[in-house]
Amino acid sequence: MAQAQRAKPGPNHIETATDPAAFAHWPEGLHGAMKAEEFNGVVGSTLVSETDQVRVWHLRLPPGKRCPFHRHVNPYFWSAHRAGKARGYFSSGEIKDVEHYEGETRHFFYGEGEYMLHSVENIGDTELLFTTVEFLDGPNTPLEVPDSVRLQVSGATAA
């Protein structure tokens, strides 16, 4: 009987390097932060909407700031609302600098057991603002998020 083979990783899966040398070129303390936040499901600054099928996030990054490391496990997309420069730190050890443009949108897909663990730093001089939509009905169990990141509306009344 043939042994079952694991499907090839999806196009957006990023392996996590196990050799600390892969992170030697990172700023001090960042590898430790990645390990501490390895299962963080908070992919934005504020969770503005949530249903059984989707989560909608806003991510605001002022110049010079970095969001915590977080893990994407299911299909999602993001759209940039402003142009700006960002640096991505990925669990493979890769660092990638990119220039975003207003309206830029990227889609990501993950198979069973796949993920992307990363952090984004604003290396430009304008605030970065993204909307991210996560699809919760993907092949992996969605990660938990604390109530503290959900949009708090004081004094709001139901329509």
C-alpha atoms as a PDB file:
ATOM      1  CA  MET A   1       0.000   0.000   0.000  1.00  0.00           C
ATOM      2  CA  ALA A   2       1.373   3.406  -0.928  1.00  0.00           C
ATOM      3  CA  GLN A   3       2.149   5.794   1.900  1.00  0.00           C
ATOM      4  CA  ALA A   4      -0.034   8.942   1.973  1.00  0.00           C
ATOM      5  CA  GLN A   5       1.832  12.036   0.889  1.00  0.00           C
ATOM      6  CA  ARG A   6       1.165  15.503   2.158  1.00  0.00           C
ATOM      7  CA  ALA A   7      -0.141  17.861  -0.458  1.00  0.00           C
ATOM      8  CA  LYS A   8       2.268  20.515  -1.660  1.00  0.00           C
ATOM      9  CA  PRO A   9       2.028  23.694   0.402  1.00  0.00           C
ATOM     10  CA  GLY A  10      -0.305  26.371  -0.925  1.00  0.00           C
ATOM     11  CA  PRO A  11       1.183  29.349  -2.731  1.00  0.00           C
ATOM     12  CA  ASN A  12       1.160  31.571   0.368  1.00  0.00           C
ATOM     13  CA  HIS A  13       2.353  29.105   3.027  1.00  0.00           C
ATOM     14  CA  ILE A  14       5.619  30.151   4.649  1.00  0.00           C
ATOM     15  CA  GLU A  15       7.678  27.610   6.562  1.00  0.00           C
ATOM     16  CA  THR A  16       8.914  28.634   9.988  1.00  0.00           C
ATOM     17  CA  ALA A  17      12.683  28.370  10.242  1.00  0.00           C
ATOM     18  CA  THR A  18      13.833  26.300  13.203  1.00  0.00           C
ATOM     19  CA  ASP A  19      17.497  27.357  13.077  1.00  0.00           C
ATOM     20  CA  PRO A  20      18.039  30.593  15.067  1.00  0.00           C
ATOM     21  CA  ALA A  21      20.745  31.532  12.532  1.00  0.00           C
ATOM     22  CA  ALA A  22      17.934  32.300  10.041  1.00  0.00           C
ATOM     23  CA  PHE A  23      17.073  35.312  12.229  1.00  0.00           C
ATOM     24  CA  ALA A  24      20.592  36.564  12.975  1.00  0.00           C
ATOM     25  CA  HIS A  25      20.090  39.591  10.679  1.00  0.00           C
ATOM     26  CA  TRP A  26      16.863  40.659  12.451  1.00  0.00           C
ATOM     27  CA  PRO A  27      16.826  43.532  14.987  1.00  0.00           C
ATOM     28  CA  GLU A  28      17.590  42.337  18.506  1.00  0.00           C
ATOM     29  CA  GLY A  29      14.590  40.889  20.328  1.00  0.00           C
ATOM     30  CA  LEU A  30      12.439  40.427  17.239  1.00  0.00           C
ATOM     31  CA  HIS A  31      12.939  36.658  16.982  1.00  0.00           C
ATOM     32  CA  GLY A  32      11.835  36.331  20.623  1.00  0.00           C
ATOM     33  CA  ALA A  33       8.764  38.450  19.881  1.00  0.00           C
ATOM     34  CA  MET A  34       7.902  36.170  16.961  1.00  0.00           C
ATOM     35  CA  LYS A  35       8.148  33.072  19.155  1.00  0.00           C
ATOM     36  CA  ALA A  36       6.024  34.698  21.886  1.00  0.00           C
ATOM     37  CA  GLU A  37       3.323  35.725  19.378  1.00  0.00           C
ATOM     38  CA  GLU A  38       3.486  32.545  17.273  1.00  0.00           C
ATOM     39  CA  PHE A  39      -0.239  31.745  17.620  1.00  0.00           C
ATOM     40  CA  ASN A  40      -1.557  35.315  17.728  1.00  0.00           C
ATOM     41  CA  GLY A  41      -4.756  35.548  15.663  1.00  0.00           C
ATOM     42  CA  VAL A  42      -5.006  39.345  15.910  1.00  0.00           C
ATOM     43  CA  VAL A  43      -4.281  40.358  12.305  1.00  0.00           C
ATOM     44  CA  GLY A  44      -5.169  44.034  12.648  1.00  0.00           C
ATOM     45  CA  SER A  45      -5.484  46.910  15.101  1.00  0.00           C
ATOM     46  CA  THR A  46      -9.261  46.650  15.439  1.00  0.00           C
ATOM     47  CA  LEU A  47     -11.759  43.921  14.579  1.00  0.00           C
ATOM     48  CA  VAL A  48     -14.558  46.083  13.147  1.00  0.00           C
ATOM     49  CA  SER A  49     -17.000  43.344  12.052  1.00  0.00           C
ATOM     50  CA  GLU A  50     -17.401  39.601  12.546  1.00  0.00           C
ATOM     51  CA  THR A  51     -19.854  36.954  11.359  1.00  0.00           C
ATOM     52  CA  ASP A  52     -19.696  33.162  11.195  1.00  0.00           C
ATOM     53  CA  GLN A  53     -18.076  33.523   7.754  1.00  0.00           C
ATOM     54  CA  VAL A  54     -15.761  36.552   7.954  1.00  0.00           C
ATOM     55  CA  ARG A  55     -13.769  38.890  10.160  1.00  0.00           C
ATOM     56  CA  VAL A  56     -13.115  42.440   8.964  1.00  0.00           C
ATOM     57  CA  TRP A  57     -10.089  44.217  10.424  1.00  0.00           C
ATOM     58  CA  HIS A  58      -8.551  47.679  10.226  1.00  0.00           C
ATOM     59  CA  LEU A  59      -4.781  47.944  10.629  1.00  0.00           C
ATOM     60  CA  ARG A  60      -3.293  51.354  11.357  1.00  0.00           C
ATOM     61  CA  LEU A  61       0.477  51.697  11.496  1.00  0.00           C
ATOM     62  CA  PRO A  62       1.958  55.136  12.187  1.00  0.00           C
ATOM     63  CA  PRO A  63       5.437  55.834  10.800  1.00  0.00           C
ATOM     64  CA  GLY A  64       8.100  53.882  12.674  1.00  0.00           C
ATOM     65  CA  LYS A  65       5.645  51.465  14.330  1.00  0.00           C
ATOM     66  CA  ARG A  66       5.390  47.690  13.912  1.00  0.00           C
ATOM     67  CA  CYS A  67       2.356  45.492  14.467  1.00  0.00           C
ATOM     68  CA  PRO A  68       2.752  42.362  16.610  1.00  0.00           C
ATOM     69  CA  PHE A  69       3.547  39.095  14.882  1.00  0.00           C
ATOM     70  CA  HIS A  70       0.375  37.296  13.891  1.00  0.00           C
ATOM     71  CA  ARG A  71      -0.653  34.103  12.132  1.00  0.00           C
ATOM     72  CA  HIS A  72      -2.930  33.807   9.097  1.00  0.00           C
ATOM     73  CA  VAL A  73      -4.460  30.331   8.762  1.00  0.00           C
ATOM     74  CA  ASN A  74      -7.350  30.750   6.325  1.00  0.00           C
ATOM     75  CA  PRO A  75      -7.942  32.599   3.047  1.00  0.00           C
ATOM     76  CA  TYR A  76      -7.971  36.383   3.348  1.00  0.00           C
ATOM     77  CA  PHE A  77      -7.323  39.560   1.440  1.00  0.00           C
ATOM     78  CA  TRP A  78      -6.177  43.030   2.354  1.00  0.00           C
ATOM     79  CA  SER A  79      -6.518  46.421   0.680  1.00  0.00           C
ATOM     80  CA  ALA A  80      -4.300  49.453   1.279  1.00  0.00           C
ATOM     81  CA  HIS A  81      -6.115  52.758   1.782  1.00  0.00           C
ATOM     82  CA  ARG A  82      -2.944  54.850   1.548  1.00  0.00           C
ATOM     83  CA  ALA A  83       0.388  54.664  -0.201  1.00  0.00           C
ATOM     84  CA  GLY A  84       3.401  53.960   1.971  1.00  0.00           C
ATOM     85  CA  LYS A  85       6.487  51.869   2.687  1.00  0.00           C
ATOM     86  CA  ALA A  86       6.499  48.731   4.816  1.00  0.00           C
ATOM     87  CA  ARG A  87       8.940  46.076   5.973  1.00  0.00           C
ATOM     88  CA  GLY A  88       7.697  42.534   6.483  1.00  0.00           C
ATOM     89  CA  TYR A  89       9.355  40.092   8.868  1.00  0.00           C
ATOM     90  CA  PHE A  90       8.453  36.489   8.027  1.00  0.00           C
ATOM     91  CA  SER A  91       8.831  33.300  10.068  1.00  0.00           C
ATOM     92  CA  SER A  92      11.209  31.936   7.416  1.00  0.00           C
ATOM     93  CA  GLY A  93      13.690  34.624   8.464  1.00  0.00           C
ATOM     94  CA  GLU A  94      13.056  36.680   5.326  1.00  0.00           C
ATOM     95  CA  ILE A  95      12.753  40.454   5.520  1.00  0.00           C
ATOM     96  CA  LYS A  96      10.962  42.104   2.614  1.00  0.00           C
ATOM     97  CA  ASP A  97      10.590  45.847   1.960  1.00  0.00           C
ATOM     98  CA  VAL A  98       7.636  46.918  -0.174  1.00  0.00           C
ATOM     99  CA  GLU A  99       5.973  50.102  -1.398  1.00  0.00           C
ATOM    100  CA  HIS A 100       2.200  49.992  -1.186  1.00  0.00           C
ATOM    101  CA  TYR A 101      -0.101  52.077  -3.360  1.00  0.00           C
ATOM    102  CA  GLU A 102      -3.609  53.295  -2.619  1.00  0.00           C
ATOM    103  CA  GLY A 103      -6.114  50.605  -3.597  1.00  0.00           C
ATOM    104  CA  GLU A 104      -3.534  47.801  -3.715  1.00  0.00           C
ATOM    105  CA  THR A 105      -5.231  44.506  -2.880  1.00  0.00           C
ATOM    106  CA  ARG A 106      -3.643  41.108  -2.316  1.00  0.00           C
ATOM    107  CA  HIS A 107      -5.306  37.704  -1.851  1.00  0.00           C
ATOM    108  CA  PHE A 108      -3.854  34.791   0.143  1.00  0.00           C
ATOM    109  CA  PHE A 109      -4.814  31.114   0.388  1.00  0.00           C
ATOM    110  CA  TYR A 110      -3.781  28.358   2.801  1.00  0.00           C
ATOM    111  CA  GLY A 111      -4.387  24.617   2.809  1.00  0.00           C
ATOM    112  CA  GLU A 112      -4.991  22.405   5.799  1.00  0.00           C
ATOM    113  CA  GLY A 113      -2.288  22.938   8.428  1.00  0.00           C
ATOM    114  CA  GLU A 114      -0.729  25.847   6.509  1.00  0.00           C
ATOM    115  CA  TYR A 115      -0.196  29.400   7.692  1.00  0.00           C
ATOM    116  CA  MET A 116       1.807  32.588   7.411  1.00  0.00           C
ATOM    117  CA  LEU A 117       3.403  34.077  10.533  1.00  0.00           C
ATOM    118  CA  HIS A 118       4.669  37.620  10.068  1.00  0.00           C
ATOM    119  CA  SER A 119       4.851  41.200  11.298  1.00  0.00           C
ATOM    120  CA  VAL A 120       4.655  44.478   9.370  1.00  0.00           C
ATOM    121  CA  GLU A 121       6.639  47.623  10.186  1.00  0.00           C
ATOM    122  CA  ASN A 122       5.940  51.070   8.734  1.00  0.00           C
ATOM    123  CA  ILE A 123       9.286  52.327   7.374  1.00  0.00           C
ATOM    124  CA  GLY A 124       7.800  55.307   5.547  1.00  0.00           C
ATOM    125  CA  ASP A 125       6.677  58.768   6.601  1.00  0.00           C
ATOM    126  CA  THR A 126       2.908  58.316   6.147  1.00  0.00           C
ATOM    127  CA  GLU A 127       0.479  56.312   8.256  1.00  0.00           C
ATOM    128  CA  LEU A 128      -0.351  52.931   6.724  1.00  0.00           C
ATOM    129  CA  LEU A 129      -4.018  51.932   6.751  1.00  0.00           C
ATOM    130  CA  PHE A 130      -5.280  48.538   5.598  1.00  0.00           C
ATOM    131  CA  THR A 131      -8.555  46.653   5.656  1.00  0.00           C
ATOM    132  CA  THR A 132      -8.172  42.883   5.969  1.00  0.00           C
ATOM    133  CA  VAL A 133     -11.006  40.403   5.411  1.00  0.00           C
ATOM    134  CA  GLU A 134     -10.470  36.870   6.775  1.00  0.00           C
ATOM    135  CA  PHE A 135     -12.679  34.031   5.583  1.00  0.00           C
ATOM    136  CA  LEU A 136     -13.422  31.799   8.568  1.00  0.00           C
ATOM    137  CA  ASP A 137     -14.749  28.840   6.590  1.00  0.00           C
ATOM    138  CA  GLY A 138     -11.307  27.800   5.315  1.00  0.00           C
ATOM    139  CA  PRO A 139      -9.620  24.455   5.952  1.00  0.00           C
ATOM    140  CA  ASN A 140      -8.216  25.460   9.363  1.00  0.00           C
ATOM    141  CA  THR A 141      -9.867  26.329  12.657  1.00  0.00           C
ATOM    142  CA  PRO A 142      -9.857  30.133  13.028  1.00  0.00           C
ATOM    143  CA  LEU A 143      -7.596  31.429  15.775  1.00  0.00           C
ATOM    144  CA  GLU A 144      -9.141  32.995  18.850  1.00  0.00           C
ATOM    145  CA  VAL A 145      -9.061  36.761  19.285  1.00  0.00           C
ATOM    146  CA  PRO A 146      -9.592  38.633  22.561  1.00  0.00           C
ATOM    147  CA  ASP A 147     -12.579  40.915  23.104  1.00  0.00           C
ATOM    148  CA  SER A 148     -10.153  43.804  23.664  1.00  0.00           C
ATOM    149  CA  VAL A 149      -9.476  44.076  19.897  1.00  0.00           C
ATOM    150  CA  ARG A 150     -13.171  44.202  18.935  1.00  0.00           C
ATOM    151  CA  LEU A 151     -14.564  47.610  18.008  1.00  0.00           C
ATOM    152  CA  GLN A 152     -15.973  49.311  21.095  1.00  0.00           C
ATOM    153  CA  VAL A 153     -18.753  51.761  20.335  1.00  0.00           C
ATOM    154  CA  SER A 154     -19.801  53.795  23.355  1.00  0.00           C
ATOM    155  CA  GLY A 155     -23.312  55.161  23.429  1.00  0.00           C
ATOM    156  CA  ALA A 156     -24.324  53.395  20.211  1.00  0.00           C
ATOM    157  CA  THR A 157     -27.888  52.179  19.890  1.00  0.00           C
ATOM    158  CA  ALA A 158     -29.212  49.404  17.697  1.00  0.00           C
ATOM    159  CA  ALA A 159     -31.047  50.543  14.570  1.00  0.00           C
END
